[in-house]
Amino acid sequence: MNATLTPELTASDRCDRCGAQAYVRARLGDGLELHFCAHHGREHLDKLRHLQDVDILDETHRLHAEESPVL
């Protein structure tokens, strides 16, 4: 878990499941944060969305924006 509460995820935020770069953050009401890569985010987001007090930041759209054009 990361101690700082940044509005967006950075390259230093890592998936709690596998250690890859995190693109999804779920902040639970008790202050606990869960970070997921895109793969594990897709796996767990449906379950997390059913929780009452959860704030989800999904930045998986950045995966496509960060791709370099092929020359």
N, C-alpha and C. Protein backbone atom coordinates (compact mmCIF):
# COMPACT_ATOMS: atom_id res chain seq x y z
N MET A 1 0.84 -1.18 0.00
CA MET A 1 0.00 0.00 0.00
C MET A 1 0.88 1.23 0.00
N ASN A 2 0.49 2.26 -0.75
CA ASN A 2 1.24 3.50 -0.82
C ASN A 2 0.75 4.47 0.23
N ALA A 3 1.66 5.16 0.89
CA ALA A 3 1.30 6.06 1.97
C ALA A 3 0.74 7.37 1.44
N THR A 4 1.20 7.82 0.28
CA THR A 4 0.72 9.09 -0.24
C THR A 4 -0.58 8.88 -1.01
N LEU A 5 -1.45 9.85 -0.92
CA LEU A 5 -2.74 9.75 -1.60
C LEU A 5 -2.73 10.70 -2.79
N THR A 6 -2.11 10.28 -3.88
CA THR A 6 -2.04 11.10 -5.07
C THR A 6 -3.32 10.94 -5.88
N PRO A 7 -3.72 11.98 -6.61
CA PRO A 7 -4.95 11.89 -7.39
C PRO A 7 -4.84 10.93 -8.57
N GLU A 8 -3.62 10.70 -9.04
CA GLU A 8 -3.45 9.76 -10.15
C GLU A 8 -2.36 8.76 -9.82
N LEU A 9 -2.35 7.70 -10.55
CA LEU A 9 -1.34 6.65 -10.33
C LEU A 9 -0.06 7.00 -11.09
N THR A 10 1.07 6.62 -10.53
CA THR A 10 2.35 6.88 -11.17
C THR A 10 3.03 5.55 -11.50
N ALA A 11 4.16 5.62 -12.16
CA ALA A 11 4.89 4.41 -12.53
C ALA A 11 5.40 3.67 -11.30
N SER A 12 5.50 4.34 -10.17
CA SER A 12 5.97 3.67 -8.95
C SER A 12 4.86 2.93 -8.22
N ASP A 13 3.60 3.14 -8.60
CA ASP A 13 2.49 2.38 -8.01
C ASP A 13 2.46 1.00 -8.64
N ARG A 14 2.45 -0.02 -7.82
CA ARG A 14 2.55 -1.39 -8.30
C ARG A 14 1.32 -2.20 -7.92
N CYS A 15 0.99 -3.17 -8.75
CA CYS A 15 -0.14 -4.08 -8.51
C CYS A 15 0.13 -4.90 -7.24
N ASP A 16 -0.84 -4.92 -6.34
CA ASP A 16 -0.71 -5.70 -5.12
C ASP A 16 -0.71 -7.20 -5.39
N ARG A 17 -1.18 -7.60 -6.53
CA ARG A 17 -1.28 -9.03 -6.86
C ARG A 17 0.00 -9.55 -7.52
N CYS A 18 0.54 -8.79 -8.51
CA CYS A 18 1.66 -9.34 -9.27
C CYS A 18 2.88 -8.42 -9.35
N GLY A 19 2.76 -7.17 -8.93
CA GLY A 19 3.89 -6.26 -8.94
C GLY A 19 4.07 -5.45 -10.22
N ALA A 20 3.20 -5.65 -11.21
CA ALA A 20 3.28 -4.86 -12.44
C ALA A 20 2.79 -3.44 -12.16
N GLN A 21 2.98 -2.54 -13.11
CA GLN A 21 2.53 -1.16 -12.92
C GLN A 21 1.02 -1.14 -12.70
N ALA A 22 0.60 -0.38 -11.70
CA ALA A 22 -0.83 -0.30 -11.37
C ALA A 22 -1.52 0.75 -12.22
N TYR A 23 -2.69 0.40 -12.72
CA TYR A 23 -3.53 1.31 -13.47
C TYR A 23 -4.92 1.45 -12.84
N VAL A 24 -5.16 0.71 -11.77
CA VAL A 24 -6.45 0.76 -11.07
C VAL A 24 -6.17 0.87 -9.57
N ARG A 25 -6.87 1.82 -8.92
CA ARG A 25 -6.77 1.94 -7.47
C ARG A 25 -8.18 1.90 -6.89
N ALA A 26 -8.36 1.09 -5.87
CA ALA A 26 -9.62 1.03 -5.14
C ALA A 26 -9.33 1.50 -3.72
N ARG A 27 -9.92 2.62 -3.33
CA ARG A 27 -9.74 3.15 -1.98
C ARG A 27 -11.00 2.83 -1.19
N LEU A 28 -10.84 1.99 -0.19
CA LEU A 28 -11.97 1.56 0.64
C LEU A 28 -12.22 2.59 1.74
N GLY A 29 -13.41 2.58 2.30
CA GLY A 29 -13.82 3.56 3.30
C GLY A 29 -12.95 3.60 4.53
N ASP A 30 -12.32 2.50 4.88
CA ASP A 30 -11.48 2.48 6.08
C ASP A 30 -10.07 2.98 5.80
N GLY A 31 -9.82 3.51 4.59
CA GLY A 31 -8.53 4.06 4.23
C GLY A 31 -7.61 3.09 3.52
N LEU A 32 -7.98 1.84 3.43
CA LEU A 32 -7.17 0.84 2.74
C LEU A 32 -7.20 1.10 1.24
N GLU A 33 -6.05 1.01 0.60
CA GLU A 33 -5.97 1.14 -0.85
C GLU A 33 -5.48 -0.16 -1.46
N LEU A 34 -6.12 -0.55 -2.55
CA LEU A 34 -5.70 -1.71 -3.32
C LEU A 34 -5.30 -1.22 -4.70
N HIS A 35 -4.16 -1.67 -5.17
CA HIS A 35 -3.67 -1.31 -6.50
C HIS A 35 -3.63 -2.55 -7.37
N PHE A 36 -4.05 -2.37 -8.65
CA PHE A 36 -4.06 -3.49 -9.58
C PHE A 36 -3.53 -3.06 -10.94
N CYS A 37 -2.86 -3.98 -11.61
CA CYS A 37 -2.52 -3.78 -13.01
C CYS A 37 -3.83 -3.87 -13.80
N ALA A 38 -3.77 -3.61 -15.09
CA ALA A 38 -4.99 -3.67 -15.90
C ALA A 38 -5.61 -5.06 -15.86
N HIS A 39 -4.79 -6.09 -15.96
CA HIS A 39 -5.28 -7.47 -15.97
C HIS A 39 -6.02 -7.80 -14.67
N HIS A 40 -5.39 -7.57 -13.53
CA HIS A 40 -6.02 -7.90 -12.26
C HIS A 40 -7.14 -6.91 -11.91
N GLY A 41 -7.05 -5.70 -12.42
CA GLY A 41 -8.15 -4.75 -12.26
C GLY A 41 -9.42 -5.27 -12.91
N ARG A 42 -9.30 -5.76 -14.15
CA ARG A 42 -10.48 -6.33 -14.84
C ARG A 42 -11.03 -7.52 -14.07
N GLU A 43 -10.13 -8.29 -13.47
CA GLU A 43 -10.54 -9.47 -12.72
C GLU A 43 -11.34 -9.12 -11.46
N HIS A 44 -11.00 -8.03 -10.80
CA HIS A 44 -11.58 -7.72 -9.49
C HIS A 44 -12.54 -6.53 -9.45
N LEU A 45 -12.59 -5.71 -10.50
CA LEU A 45 -13.40 -4.49 -10.44
C LEU A 45 -14.88 -4.75 -10.22
N ASP A 46 -15.45 -5.75 -10.85
CA ASP A 46 -16.88 -6.01 -10.67
C ASP A 46 -17.22 -6.28 -9.21
N LYS A 47 -16.37 -7.04 -8.53
CA LYS A 47 -16.61 -7.34 -7.12
C LYS A 47 -16.44 -6.09 -6.27
N LEU A 48 -15.43 -5.29 -6.57
CA LEU A 48 -15.19 -4.08 -5.78
C LEU A 48 -16.30 -3.05 -5.95
N ARG A 49 -16.85 -2.96 -7.15
CA ARG A 49 -17.92 -1.97 -7.40
C ARG A 49 -19.18 -2.26 -6.58
N HIS A 50 -19.35 -3.49 -6.13
CA HIS A 50 -20.52 -3.84 -5.33
C HIS A 50 -20.38 -3.41 -3.88
N LEU A 51 -19.18 -3.03 -3.47
CA LEU A 51 -18.98 -2.57 -2.09
C LEU A 51 -19.61 -1.19 -1.91
N GLN A 52 -20.10 -0.91 -0.71
CA GLN A 52 -20.79 0.35 -0.44
C GLN A 52 -19.85 1.55 -0.47
N ASP A 53 -18.75 1.47 0.24
CA ASP A 53 -17.89 2.64 0.43
C ASP A 53 -16.54 2.42 -0.23
N VAL A 54 -16.52 2.58 -1.57
CA VAL A 54 -15.28 2.37 -2.31
C VAL A 54 -15.16 3.45 -3.39
N ASP A 55 -13.97 3.98 -3.54
CA ASP A 55 -13.67 4.97 -4.57
C ASP A 55 -12.70 4.31 -5.54
N ILE A 56 -13.10 4.17 -6.81
CA ILE A 56 -12.28 3.46 -7.79
C ILE A 56 -11.73 4.45 -8.81
N LEU A 57 -10.43 4.40 -9.00
CA LEU A 57 -9.76 5.17 -10.03
C LEU A 57 -9.25 4.17 -11.07
N ASP A 58 -9.78 4.26 -12.28
CA ASP A 58 -9.41 3.34 -13.36
C ASP A 58 -8.71 4.14 -14.45
N GLU A 59 -7.41 3.94 -14.58
CA GLU A 59 -6.61 4.64 -15.58
C GLU A 59 -6.11 3.70 -16.68
N THR A 60 -6.83 2.63 -16.92
CA THR A 60 -6.40 1.66 -17.94
C THR A 60 -6.37 2.28 -19.33
N HIS A 61 -7.11 3.36 -19.54
CA HIS A 61 -7.09 4.04 -20.84
C HIS A 61 -5.68 4.55 -21.18
N ARG A 62 -4.85 4.78 -20.17
CA ARG A 62 -3.48 5.25 -20.39
C ARG A 62 -2.62 4.22 -21.12
N LEU A 63 -2.99 2.96 -21.04
CA LEU A 63 -2.22 1.93 -21.74
C LEU A 63 -2.17 2.20 -23.24
N HIS A 64 -3.27 2.61 -23.81
CA HIS A 64 -3.34 2.89 -25.24
C HIS A 64 -2.70 4.22 -25.57
N ALA A 65 -2.81 5.18 -24.67
CA ALA A 65 -2.23 6.51 -24.90
C ALA A 65 -0.71 6.45 -24.85
N GLU A 66 -0.14 5.50 -24.11
CA GLU A 66 1.31 5.43 -23.96
C GLU A 66 2.00 4.64 -25.06
N GLU A 67 1.23 4.00 -25.92
CA GLU A 67 1.83 3.23 -27.00
C GLU A 67 2.49 4.18 -27.99
N SER A 68 3.70 3.86 -28.45
CA SER A 68 4.37 4.69 -29.44
C SER A 68 3.93 4.29 -30.84
N PRO A 69 3.83 5.26 -31.68
CA PRO A 69 3.46 4.92 -33.07
C PRO A 69 4.58 4.14 -33.76
N VAL A 70 4.19 3.21 -34.59
CA VAL A 70 5.17 2.41 -35.35
C VAL A 70 5.56 3.21 -36.58
N LEU A 71 6.85 3.36 -36.78
CA LEU A 71 7.33 4.12 -37.95
C LEU A 71 7.72 3.23 -39.07
